[in-house]
Amino acid sequence: MIQLTINGQPQQFESAINVAQLIDLLDLHGKRIAIERNGEIVPRSLFSEQMLAHGDQLEVVVAVGGG
């Protein structure tokens, strides 16, 4: 089991996951988002490769359009 802090809220997952899997679990697939892991932006091209580890601090920002 790993624990991540996502936007300041602790969350636990049964096993290690990558950023793409996290996006699916958070129901954010298809949305314009940016993810920061431990203070560094994760490039979209690395979402499926970037494995998350116990204790990671994540900030997930969803872009909102409007006029």
N, C-alpha and C. Protein backbone atom coordinates (compact mmCIF):
# COMPACT_ATOMS: atom_id res chain seq x y z
N MET A 1 0.85 -1.18 0.00
CA MET A 1 0.00 0.00 0.00
C MET A 1 0.89 1.24 0.00
N ILE A 2 0.52 2.21 -0.83
CA ILE A 2 1.27 3.46 -0.85
C ILE A 2 0.34 4.62 -0.49
N GLN A 3 0.91 5.61 0.12
CA GLN A 3 0.15 6.81 0.46
C GLN A 3 0.72 7.99 -0.32
N LEU A 4 -0.19 8.72 -0.97
CA LEU A 4 0.16 9.93 -1.70
C LEU A 4 -0.60 11.09 -1.09
N THR A 5 -0.06 12.28 -1.20
CA THR A 5 -0.79 13.48 -0.81
C THR A 5 -1.14 14.20 -2.10
N ILE A 6 -2.45 14.32 -2.37
CA ILE A 6 -2.93 14.92 -3.60
C ILE A 6 -3.68 16.19 -3.25
N ASN A 7 -3.16 17.32 -3.70
CA ASN A 7 -3.74 18.63 -3.39
C ASN A 7 -3.99 18.79 -1.89
N GLY A 8 -3.01 18.33 -1.10
CA GLY A 8 -3.06 18.49 0.34
C GLY A 8 -3.85 17.43 1.09
N GLN A 9 -4.45 16.48 0.36
CA GLN A 9 -5.27 15.44 1.00
C GLN A 9 -4.57 14.08 0.88
N PRO A 10 -4.37 13.38 2.00
CA PRO A 10 -3.75 12.06 1.92
C PRO A 10 -4.71 11.05 1.28
N GLN A 11 -4.17 10.22 0.41
CA GLN A 11 -4.94 9.15 -0.22
C GLN A 11 -4.08 7.92 -0.29
N GLN A 12 -4.71 6.76 -0.11
CA GLN A 12 -3.98 5.49 -0.14
C GLN A 12 -4.41 4.66 -1.33
N PHE A 13 -3.44 3.93 -1.88
CA PHE A 13 -3.67 3.04 -3.01
C PHE A 13 -3.07 1.69 -2.68
N GLU A 14 -3.69 0.63 -3.18
CA GLU A 14 -3.27 -0.72 -2.84
C GLU A 14 -1.89 -1.07 -3.35
N SER A 15 -1.53 -0.51 -4.50
CA SER A 15 -0.22 -0.82 -5.07
C SER A 15 0.31 0.40 -5.81
N ALA A 16 1.55 0.31 -6.24
CA ALA A 16 2.16 1.41 -6.98
C ALA A 16 1.39 1.66 -8.27
N ILE A 17 1.24 2.92 -8.62
CA ILE A 17 0.55 3.30 -9.85
C ILE A 17 1.37 4.36 -10.57
N ASN A 18 1.07 4.53 -11.86
CA ASN A 18 1.74 5.61 -12.59
C ASN A 18 0.79 6.80 -12.69
N VAL A 19 1.27 7.89 -13.23
CA VAL A 19 0.48 9.12 -13.30
C VAL A 19 -0.77 8.90 -14.16
N ALA A 20 -0.64 8.19 -15.28
CA ALA A 20 -1.79 7.94 -16.15
C ALA A 20 -2.88 7.17 -15.41
N GLN A 21 -2.50 6.18 -14.62
CA GLN A 21 -3.48 5.41 -13.84
C GLN A 21 -4.14 6.29 -12.78
N LEU A 22 -3.37 7.18 -12.17
CA LEU A 22 -3.93 8.11 -11.19
C LEU A 22 -4.98 8.99 -11.84
N ILE A 23 -4.69 9.49 -13.03
CA ILE A 23 -5.65 10.33 -13.75
C ILE A 23 -6.96 9.58 -13.97
N ASP A 24 -6.86 8.32 -14.36
CA ASP A 24 -8.07 7.51 -14.55
C ASP A 24 -8.81 7.32 -13.23
N LEU A 25 -8.08 7.01 -12.16
CA LEU A 25 -8.72 6.80 -10.85
C LEU A 25 -9.41 8.06 -10.33
N LEU A 26 -8.86 9.22 -10.67
CA LEU A 26 -9.45 10.49 -10.24
C LEU A 26 -10.51 10.99 -11.21
N ASP A 27 -10.80 10.18 -12.24
CA ASP A 27 -11.81 10.52 -13.25
C ASP A 27 -11.49 11.83 -13.95
N LEU A 28 -10.21 12.01 -14.31
CA LEU A 28 -9.77 13.23 -14.98
C LEU A 28 -9.33 12.98 -16.42
N HIS A 29 -9.54 11.75 -16.89
CA HIS A 29 -9.14 11.39 -18.26
C HIS A 29 -9.86 12.29 -19.26
N GLY A 30 -9.10 12.85 -20.20
CA GLY A 30 -9.67 13.70 -21.24
C GLY A 30 -9.75 15.17 -20.87
N LYS A 31 -9.42 15.50 -19.62
CA LYS A 31 -9.45 16.90 -19.19
C LYS A 31 -8.06 17.50 -19.32
N ARG A 32 -8.02 18.81 -19.46
CA ARG A 32 -6.73 19.52 -19.54
C ARG A 32 -6.20 19.70 -18.12
N ILE A 33 -5.14 18.98 -17.82
CA ILE A 33 -4.60 19.02 -16.46
C ILE A 33 -3.09 19.22 -16.49
N ALA A 34 -2.58 19.65 -15.35
CA ALA A 34 -1.13 19.71 -15.11
C ALA A 34 -0.89 19.01 -13.78
N ILE A 35 0.18 18.26 -13.72
CA ILE A 35 0.51 17.54 -12.48
C ILE A 35 1.93 17.89 -12.06
N GLU A 36 2.03 18.25 -10.79
CA GLU A 36 3.32 18.54 -10.18
C GLU A 36 3.59 17.43 -9.16
N ARG A 37 4.75 16.82 -9.27
CA ARG A 37 5.14 15.75 -8.34
C ARG A 37 6.37 16.22 -7.58
N ASN A 38 6.22 16.34 -6.28
CA ASN A 38 7.32 16.75 -5.40
C ASN A 38 8.01 18.02 -5.91
N GLY A 39 7.18 18.97 -6.37
CA GLY A 39 7.69 20.27 -6.77
C GLY A 39 8.13 20.38 -8.23
N GLU A 40 8.01 19.30 -8.99
CA GLU A 40 8.42 19.33 -10.39
C GLU A 40 7.27 18.91 -11.30
N ILE A 41 7.08 19.66 -12.38
CA ILE A 41 6.02 19.36 -13.34
C ILE A 41 6.33 18.03 -14.03
N VAL A 42 5.33 17.17 -14.16
CA VAL A 42 5.47 15.92 -14.89
C VAL A 42 5.01 16.17 -16.33
N PRO A 43 5.91 16.04 -17.31
CA PRO A 43 5.49 16.24 -18.70
C PRO A 43 4.42 15.22 -19.10
N ARG A 44 3.45 15.67 -19.86
CA ARG A 44 2.36 14.80 -20.31
C ARG A 44 2.90 13.55 -21.01
N SER A 45 4.00 13.69 -21.74
CA SER A 45 4.57 12.55 -22.47
C SER A 45 5.09 11.46 -21.54
N LEU A 46 5.26 11.78 -20.26
CA LEU A 46 5.78 10.80 -19.29
C LEU A 46 4.71 10.26 -18.34
N PHE A 47 3.45 10.64 -18.52
CA PHE A 47 2.39 10.21 -17.61
C PHE A 47 2.34 8.69 -17.45
N SER A 48 2.48 7.94 -18.55
CA SER A 48 2.37 6.49 -18.45
C SER A 48 3.64 5.83 -17.92
N GLU A 49 4.75 6.56 -17.93
CA GLU A 49 6.03 6.02 -17.47
C GLU A 49 6.37 6.41 -16.03
N GLN A 50 5.84 7.54 -15.57
CA GLN A 50 6.19 8.09 -14.27
C GLN A 50 5.47 7.36 -13.15
N MET A 51 6.20 6.47 -12.46
CA MET A 51 5.63 5.73 -11.35
C MET A 51 5.61 6.60 -10.09
N LEU A 52 4.53 6.49 -9.34
CA LEU A 52 4.40 7.24 -8.10
C LEU A 52 4.87 6.38 -6.94
N ALA A 53 5.47 7.02 -5.95
CA ALA A 53 6.05 6.29 -4.82
C ALA A 53 5.41 6.76 -3.52
N HIS A 54 5.47 5.88 -2.52
CA HIS A 54 4.94 6.20 -1.20
C HIS A 54 5.51 7.53 -0.73
N GLY A 55 4.63 8.43 -0.29
CA GLY A 55 5.05 9.71 0.25
C GLY A 55 5.10 10.84 -0.77
N ASP A 56 4.86 10.54 -2.04
CA ASP A 56 4.89 11.60 -3.05
C ASP A 56 3.84 12.67 -2.74
N GLN A 57 4.22 13.92 -3.01
CA GLN A 57 3.33 15.07 -2.86
C GLN A 57 2.93 15.51 -4.26
N LEU A 58 1.63 15.48 -4.55
CA LEU A 58 1.15 15.84 -5.88
C LEU A 58 0.21 17.02 -5.82
N GLU A 59 0.33 17.86 -6.82
CA GLU A 59 -0.63 18.94 -7.03
C GLU A 59 -1.22 18.70 -8.42
N VAL A 60 -2.54 18.58 -8.47
CA VAL A 60 -3.22 18.35 -9.74
C VAL A 60 -4.07 19.58 -10.01
N VAL A 61 -3.82 20.21 -11.17
CA VAL A 61 -4.54 21.43 -11.55
C VAL A 61 -5.33 21.13 -12.81
N VAL A 62 -6.64 21.42 -12.77
CA VAL A 62 -7.50 21.23 -13.92
C VAL A 62 -7.77 22.59 -14.54
N ALA A 63 -7.47 22.73 -15.84
CA ALA A 63 -7.70 24.00 -16.54
C ALA A 63 -9.19 24.20 -16.75
N VAL A 64 -9.64 25.41 -16.49
CA VAL A 64 -11.04 25.77 -16.66
C VAL A 64 -11.11 26.89 -17.68
N GLY A 65 -11.89 26.66 -18.74
CA GLY A 65 -12.05 27.69 -19.77
C GLY A 65 -13.21 28.60 -19.44
N GLY A 66 -13.23 29.72 -20.06
CA GLY A 66 -14.32 30.65 -19.83
C GLY A 66 -14.03 31.99 -20.51
N GLY A 67 -15.02 32.82 -20.48
CA GLY A 67 -14.82 34.08 -21.18
C GLY A 67 -15.11 35.26 -20.38
